[in-house]
C-alpha atoms as a PDB file:
ATOM      1  CA  UNK A   1      18.046 130.041 139.697  1.00  0.00           C
ATOM      2  CA  UNK A   2      20.489 130.684 142.955  1.00  0.00           C
ATOM      3  CA  UNK A   3      19.318 127.820 144.992  1.00  0.00           C
ATOM      4  CA  UNK A   4      19.319 125.484 141.884  1.00  0.00           C
ATOM      5  CA  UNK A   5      23.119 126.817 141.825  1.00  0.00           C
ATOM      6  CA  UNK A   6      23.812 126.182 145.266  1.00  0.00           C
ATOM      7  CA  UNK A   7      22.125 122.467 145.003  1.00  0.00           C
ATOM      8  CA  UNK A   8      24.603 121.782 142.134  1.00  0.00           C
ATOM      9  CA  UNK A   9      27.920 123.208 143.987  1.00  0.00           C
ATOM     10  CA  UNK A  10      27.383 121.585 147.536  1.00  0.00           C
ATOM     11  CA  UNK A  11      26.592 117.886 145.625  1.00  0.00           C
ATOM     12  CA  UNK A  12      29.601 118.363 143.112  1.00  0.00           C
ATOM     13  CA  UNK A  13      31.366 119.119 146.468  1.00  0.00           C
ATOM     14  CA  UNK A  14      29.857 116.155 148.237  1.00  0.00           C
ATOM     15  CA  UNK A  15      31.604 114.037 145.600  1.00  0.00           C
ATOM     16  CA  UNK A  16      34.744 115.616 145.002  1.00  0.00           C
ATOM     17  CA  UNK A  17      33.762 116.473 141.640  1.00  0.00           C
ATOM     18  CA  UNK A  18      33.989 120.349 142.055  1.00  0.00           C
ATOM     19  CA  UNK A  19      35.867 122.840 140.418  1.00  0.00           C
ATOM     20  CA  UNK A  20      39.886 122.621 141.045  1.00  0.00           C
ATOM     21  CA  UNK A  21      42.104 125.206 139.543  1.00  0.00           C
ATOM     22  CA  UNK A  22      44.982 122.774 140.071  1.00  0.00           C
ATOM     23  CA  UNK A  23      43.704 120.430 138.452  1.00  0.00           C
ATOM     24  CA  UNK A  24      42.728 122.398 135.688  1.00  0.00           C
ATOM     25  CA  UNK A  25      46.555 124.085 135.603  1.00  0.00           C
ATOM     26  CA  UNK A  26      47.684 120.186 135.463  1.00  0.00           C
ATOM     27  CA  UNK A  27      45.597 119.282 132.385  1.00  0.00           C
ATOM     28  CA  UNK A  28      46.097 122.770 130.647  1.00  0.00           C
ATOM     29  CA  UNK A  29      49.830 122.294 131.076  1.00  0.00           C
ATOM     30  CA  UNK A  30      49.531 118.489 129.422  1.00  0.00           C
ATOM     31  CA  UNK A  31      47.386 120.335 126.601  1.00  0.00           C
ATOM     32  CA  UNK A  32      49.883 123.186 126.022  1.00  0.00           C
ATOM     33  CA  UNK A  33      53.552 120.405 125.362  1.00  0.00           C
ATOM     34  CA  UNK A  34      52.543 120.740 121.787  1.00  0.00           C
ATOM     35  CA  UNK A  35      50.333 119.761 118.563  1.00  0.00           C
ATOM     36  CA  UNK A  36      48.473 116.674 119.763  1.00  0.00           C
ATOM     37  CA  UNK A  37      50.443 114.095 117.557  1.00  0.00           C
ATOM     38  CA  UNK A  38      54.043 115.702 118.623  1.00  0.00           C
ATOM     39  CA  UNK A  39      56.400 113.669 120.066  1.00  0.00           C
ATOM     40  CA  UNK A  40      56.944 116.609 122.875  1.00  0.00           C
ATOM     41  CA  UNK A  41      53.128 116.188 123.845  1.00  0.00           C
ATOM     42  CA  UNK A  42      52.730 112.550 124.055  1.00  0.00           C
ATOM     43  CA  UNK A  43      55.510 112.079 125.895  1.00  0.00           C
ATOM     44  CA  UNK A  44      55.074 114.727 128.674  1.00  0.00           C
ATOM     45  CA  UNK A  45      50.646 113.587 128.436  1.00  0.00           C
ATOM     46  CA  UNK A  46      52.238 110.365 129.220  1.00  0.00           C
ATOM     47  CA  UNK A  47      54.226 111.128 131.866  1.00  0.00           C
ATOM     48  CA  UNK A  48      51.548 113.384 133.597  1.00  0.00           C
ATOM     49  CA  UNK A  49      48.539 111.032 133.318  1.00  0.00           C
ATOM     50  CA  UNK A  50      51.345 108.115 134.234  1.00  0.00           C
ATOM     51  CA  UNK A  51      51.863 109.927 137.754  1.00  0.00           C
ATOM     52  CA  UNK A  52      47.956 111.544 138.211  1.00  0.00           C
ATOM     53  CA  UNK A  53      45.703 109.984 136.028  1.00  0.00           C
ATOM     54  CA  UNK A  54      43.097 111.386 138.117  1.00  0.00           C
ATOM     55  CA  UNK A  55      43.939 114.982 139.425  1.00  0.00           C
ATOM     56  CA  UNK A  56      40.443 115.833 140.399  1.00  0.00           C
ATOM     57  CA  UNK A  57      38.877 113.895 143.136  1.00  0.00           C
ATOM     58  CA  UNK A  58      42.242 113.330 145.231  1.00  0.00           C
ATOM     59  CA  UNK A  59      42.870 116.780 144.752  1.00  0.00           C
ATOM     60  CA  UNK A  60      39.321 117.415 146.370  1.00  0.00           C
ATOM     61  CA  UNK A  61      39.686 114.898 148.705  1.00  0.00           C
ATOM     62  CA  UNK A  62      43.160 117.207 150.185  1.00  0.00           C
ATOM     63  CA  UNK A  63      40.953 120.131 149.995  1.00  0.00           C
ATOM     64  CA  UNK A  64      37.950 118.961 152.356  1.00  0.00           C
ATOM     65  CA  UNK A  65      40.270 117.233 154.767  1.00  0.00           C
ATOM     66  CA  UNK A  66      41.289 120.677 154.950  1.00  0.00           C
ATOM     67  CA  UNK A  67      38.328 122.466 155.149  1.00  0.00           C
ATOM     68  CA  UNK A  68      37.464 119.912 158.015  1.00  0.00           C
ATOM     69  CA  UNK A  69      40.497 120.713 160.367  1.00  0.00           C
ATOM     70  CA  UNK A  70      41.528 123.435 162.549  1.00  0.00           C
ATOM     71  CA  UNK A  71      43.098 125.362 158.995  1.00  0.00           C
ATOM     72  CA  UNK A  72      39.418 125.026 157.638  1.00  0.00           C
ATOM     73  CA  UNK A  73      38.017 126.998 160.772  1.00  0.00           C
ATOM     74  CA  UNK A  74      41.109 129.636 160.936  1.00  0.00           C
ATOM     75  CA  UNK A  75      40.210 130.156 157.121  1.00  0.00           C
ATOM     76  CA  UNK A  76      36.412 131.055 157.805  1.00  0.00           C
ATOM     77  CA  UNK A  77      36.891 133.227 160.652  1.00  0.00           C
ATOM     78  CA  UNK A  78      39.884 134.879 158.484  1.00  0.00           C
ATOM     79  CA  UNK A  79      36.522 135.115 155.569  1.00  0.00           C
ATOM     80  CA  UNK A  80      34.360 136.259 158.320  1.00  0.00           C
ATOM     81  CA  UNK A  81      36.596 139.107 159.540  1.00  0.00           C
ATOM     82  CA  UNK A  82      38.213 139.980 156.194  1.00  0.00           C
ATOM     83  CA  UNK A  83      36.431 138.680 152.721  1.00  0.00           C
ATOM     84  CA  UNK A  84      33.280 139.563 154.255  1.00  0.00           C
ATOM     85  CA  UNK A  85      33.458 143.549 154.496  1.00  0.00           C
ATOM     86  CA  UNK A  86      35.249 143.862 150.896  1.00  0.00           C
ATOM     87  CA  UNK A  87      32.447 141.684 149.357  1.00  0.00           C
ATOM     88  CA  UNK A  88      34.451 139.042 148.466  1.00  0.00           C
ATOM     89  CA  UNK A  89      32.349 136.479 150.417  1.00  0.00           C
ATOM     90  CA  UNK A  90      29.092 136.626 151.758  1.00  0.00           C
ATOM     91  CA  UNK A  91      28.278 135.904 155.360  1.00  0.00           C
ATOM     92  CA  UNK A  92      26.584 132.983 154.432  1.00  0.00           C
ATOM     93  CA  UNK A  93      29.684 131.164 152.881  1.00  0.00           C
ATOM     94  CA  UNK A  94      31.835 132.839 155.828  1.00  0.00           C
ATOM     95  CA  UNK A  95      29.420 130.822 158.156  1.00  0.00           C
ATOM     96  CA  UNK A  96      29.440 127.236 156.062  1.00  0.00           C
ATOM     97  CA  UNK A  97      33.907 127.593 156.405  1.00  0.00           C
ATOM     98  CA  UNK A  98      33.797 128.230 159.667  1.00  0.00           C
ATOM     99  CA  UNK A  99      31.178 125.110 160.410  1.00  0.00           C
ATOM    100  CA  UNK A 100      33.081 123.152 158.273  1.00  0.00           C
ATOM    101  CA  UNK A 101      36.103 123.948 160.418  1.00  0.00           C
ATOM    102  CA  UNK A 102      33.709 123.475 163.433  1.00  0.00           C
ATOM    103  CA  UNK A 103      32.695 120.379 162.250  1.00  0.00           C
ATOM    104  CA  UNK A 104      36.108 118.431 161.300  1.00  0.00           C
ATOM    105  CA  UNK A 105      37.422 120.387 164.720  1.00  0.00           C
ATOM    106  CA  UNK A 106      35.329 118.166 166.785  1.00  0.00           C
ATOM    107  CA  UNK A 107      35.711 115.000 164.896  1.00  0.00           C
ATOM    108  CA  UNK A 108      39.517 115.293 165.509  1.00  0.00           C
ATOM    109  CA  UNK A 109      39.092 115.336 168.918  1.00  0.00           C
ATOM    110  CA  UNK A 110      37.066 112.634 169.230  1.00  0.00           C
ATOM    111  CA  UNK A 111      39.287 110.816 167.070  1.00  0.00           C
ATOM    112  CA  UNK A 112      42.200 111.668 169.733  1.00  0.00           C
ATOM    113  CA  UNK A 113      39.865 110.622 172.483  1.00  0.00           C
ATOM    114  CA  UNK A 114      39.025 107.378 171.353  1.00  0.00           C
ATOM    115  CA  UNK A 115      42.416 106.599 170.848  1.00  0.00           C
ATOM    116  CA  UNK A 116      43.474 107.889 174.453  1.00  0.00           C
ATOM    117  CA  UNK A 117      40.612 105.110 175.209  1.00  0.00           C
ATOM    118  CA  UNK A 118      41.862 102.081 172.931  1.00  0.00           C
ATOM    119  CA  UNK A 119      38.730 102.630 170.774  1.00  0.00           C
ATOM    120  CA  UNK A 120      40.162 103.255 167.708  1.00  0.00           C
ATOM    121  CA  UNK A 121      42.998 102.251 166.043  1.00  0.00           C
ATOM    122  CA  UNK A 122      45.178 104.253 163.507  1.00  0.00           C
ATOM    123  CA  UNK A 123      47.724 103.239 161.358  1.00  0.00           C
ATOM    124  CA  UNK A 124      50.413 100.580 161.921  1.00  0.00           C
ATOM    125  CA  UNK A 125      53.700 101.323 164.188  1.00  0.00           C
ATOM    126  CA  UNK A 126      57.187 101.888 162.834  1.00  0.00           C
ATOM    127  CA  UNK A 127      58.303  99.320 165.138  1.00  0.00           C
ATOM    128  CA  UNK A 128      58.218  95.539 162.602  1.00  0.00           C
ATOM    129  CA  UNK A 129      57.765  93.544 165.886  1.00  0.00           C
ATOM    130  CA  UNK A 130      55.205  95.808 167.626  1.00  0.00           C
ATOM    131  CA  UNK A 131      53.418  95.600 164.662  1.00  0.00           C
ATOM    132  CA  UNK A 132      53.510  92.000 164.231  1.00  0.00           C
ATOM    133  CA  UNK A 133      51.997  91.530 167.813  1.00  0.00           C
ATOM    134  CA  UNK A 134      49.236  93.503 166.703  1.00  0.00           C
ATOM    135  CA  UNK A 135      48.693  91.456 163.718  1.00  0.00           C
ATOM    136  CA  UNK A 136      49.054  88.218 165.947  1.00  0.00           C
ATOM    137  CA  UNK A 137      46.433  89.422 168.447  1.00  0.00           C
ATOM    138  CA  UNK A 138      43.304  90.119 165.708  1.00  0.00           C
ATOM    139  CA  UNK A 139      44.383  94.165 165.756  1.00  0.00           C
ATOM    140  CA  UNK A 140      43.870  95.695 162.701  1.00  0.00           C
ATOM    141  CA  UNK A 141      45.054  99.412 160.991  1.00  0.00           C
ATOM    142  CA  UNK A 142      42.256 101.631 161.306  1.00  0.00           C
ATOM    143  CA  UNK A 143      39.517 100.310 163.291  1.00  0.00           C
ATOM    144  CA  UNK A 144      37.035 100.430 165.539  1.00  0.00           C
ATOM    145  CA  UNK A 145      38.289  98.324 168.923  1.00  0.00           C
ATOM    146  CA  UNK A 146      35.119  97.066 170.745  1.00  0.00           C
ATOM    147  CA  UNK A 147      35.692  94.461 173.352  1.00  0.00           C
ATOM    148  CA  UNK A 148      38.372  92.017 171.743  1.00  0.00           C
ATOM    149  CA  UNK A 149      36.807  92.819 168.476  1.00  0.00           C
ATOM    150  CA  UNK A 150      37.947  94.631 165.738  1.00  0.00           C
ATOM    151  CA  UNK A 151      36.665  96.401 162.538  1.00  0.00           C
ATOM    152  CA  UNK A 152      37.603  98.445 160.407  1.00  0.00           C
ATOM    153  CA  UNK A 153      36.622 101.449 159.101  1.00  0.00           C
ATOM    154  CA  UNK A 154      38.714 102.401 156.483  1.00  0.00           C
ATOM    155  CA  UNK A 155      36.641 102.113 153.756  1.00  0.00           C
ATOM    156  CA  UNK A 156      34.455 104.874 154.919  1.00  0.00           C
ATOM    157  CA  UNK A 157      37.403 107.301 153.985  1.00  0.00           C
ATOM    158  CA  UNK A 158      37.560 109.916 152.882  1.00  0.00           C
ATOM    159  CA  UNK A 159      34.235 110.608 155.476  1.00  0.00           C
ATOM    160  CA  UNK A 160      36.515 109.745 158.571  1.00  0.00           C
ATOM    161  CA  UNK A 161      39.905 111.060 157.909  1.00  0.00           C
ATOM    162  CA  UNK A 162      39.202 113.998 160.369  1.00  0.00           C
ATOM    163  CA  UNK A 163      38.401 110.652 163.270  1.00  0.00           C
ATOM    164  CA  UNK A 164      42.012 109.114 161.706  1.00  0.00           C
ATOM    165  CA  UNK A 165      44.238 112.009 162.066  1.00  0.00           C
ATOM    166  CA  UNK A 166      42.957 113.105 165.536  1.00  0.00           C
ATOM    167  CA  UNK A 167      43.770 109.621 166.134  1.00  0.00           C
ATOM    168  CA  UNK A 168      47.467 109.793 164.312  1.00  0.00           C
ATOM    169  CA  UNK A 169      47.835 112.821 166.642  1.00  0.00           C
ATOM    170  CA  UNK A 170      47.124 110.980 169.777  1.00  0.00           C
ATOM    171  CA  UNK A 171      49.909 108.240 168.173  1.00  0.00           C
ATOM    172  CA  UNK A 172      52.368 111.091 167.850  1.00  0.00           C
ATOM    173  CA  UNK A 173      51.603 112.732 171.439  1.00  0.00           C
ATOM    174  CA  UNK A 174      52.148 109.385 172.775  1.00  0.00           C
ATOM    175  CA  UNK A 175      55.284 108.734 171.151  1.00  0.00           C
ATOM    176  CA  UNK A 176      56.538 112.325 171.929  1.00  0.00           C
ATOM    177  CA  UNK A 177      55.919 112.100 175.862  1.00  0.00           C
ATOM    178  CA  UNK A 178      55.297 116.026 177.642  1.00  0.00           C
ATOM    179  CA  UNK A 179      56.759 117.487 174.533  1.00  0.00           C
ATOM    180  CA  UNK A 180      54.136 119.688 172.680  1.00  0.00           C
ATOM    181  CA  UNK A 181      52.998 118.820 169.292  1.00  0.00           C
ATOM    182  CA  UNK A 182      53.643 121.284 166.964  1.00  0.00           C
ATOM    183  CA  UNK A 183      52.345 122.569 163.231  1.00  0.00           C
ATOM    184  CA  UNK A 184      54.298 120.128 161.432  1.00  0.00           C
ATOM    185  CA  UNK A 185      53.206 116.804 163.007  1.00  0.00           C
ATOM    186  CA  UNK A 186      49.656 118.385 162.647  1.00  0.00           C
ATOM    187  CA  UNK A 187      50.701 118.206 158.358  1.00  0.00           C
ATOM    188  CA  UNK A 188      52.331 114.444 159.089  1.00  0.00           C
ATOM    189  CA  UNK A 189      48.974 113.479 160.613  1.00  0.00           C
ATOM    190  CA  UNK A 190      47.160 114.252 157.441  1.00  0.00           C
ATOM    191  CA  UNK A 191      49.121 112.620 155.502  1.00  0.00           C
END
């Protein structure tokens, strides 16, 4: 039974269908706006559903992006040292979080290296002239560049998000020159 529940949990995580407290709270808030036929309920539901028609999947994609990053690595290490002692998490759960963080951090570093060598491009430049020049040369956003050919890989998102975060970090570092990247730069790269 434990193995079955673990398999179900992992399948839900892999398809971004796992439980999300935030998505659940947003749905519960919509339901708490009054009786289902009241004007307040209908207006609230229309506003919330208009802004966030799909709650669970985007929130879970953001959660996986954080899991597969240095933030996830730090959280896993924190769990290993604190939460496992108190019994809140098992050692296996802490190791899984550390592994996810290490994997994503490695992919992020690979994205940075590939971008520095010109093999991968991130988002478009803010400079309209530079963006136009790149497009005329056949350049594409979020693409793998081999020789003079460019192949978009953005259709593999969200699996390639850490790779693109690394690419964006390289672009930010290039713009900053000798100035070091900050934690806020990392958060901006996640966008």
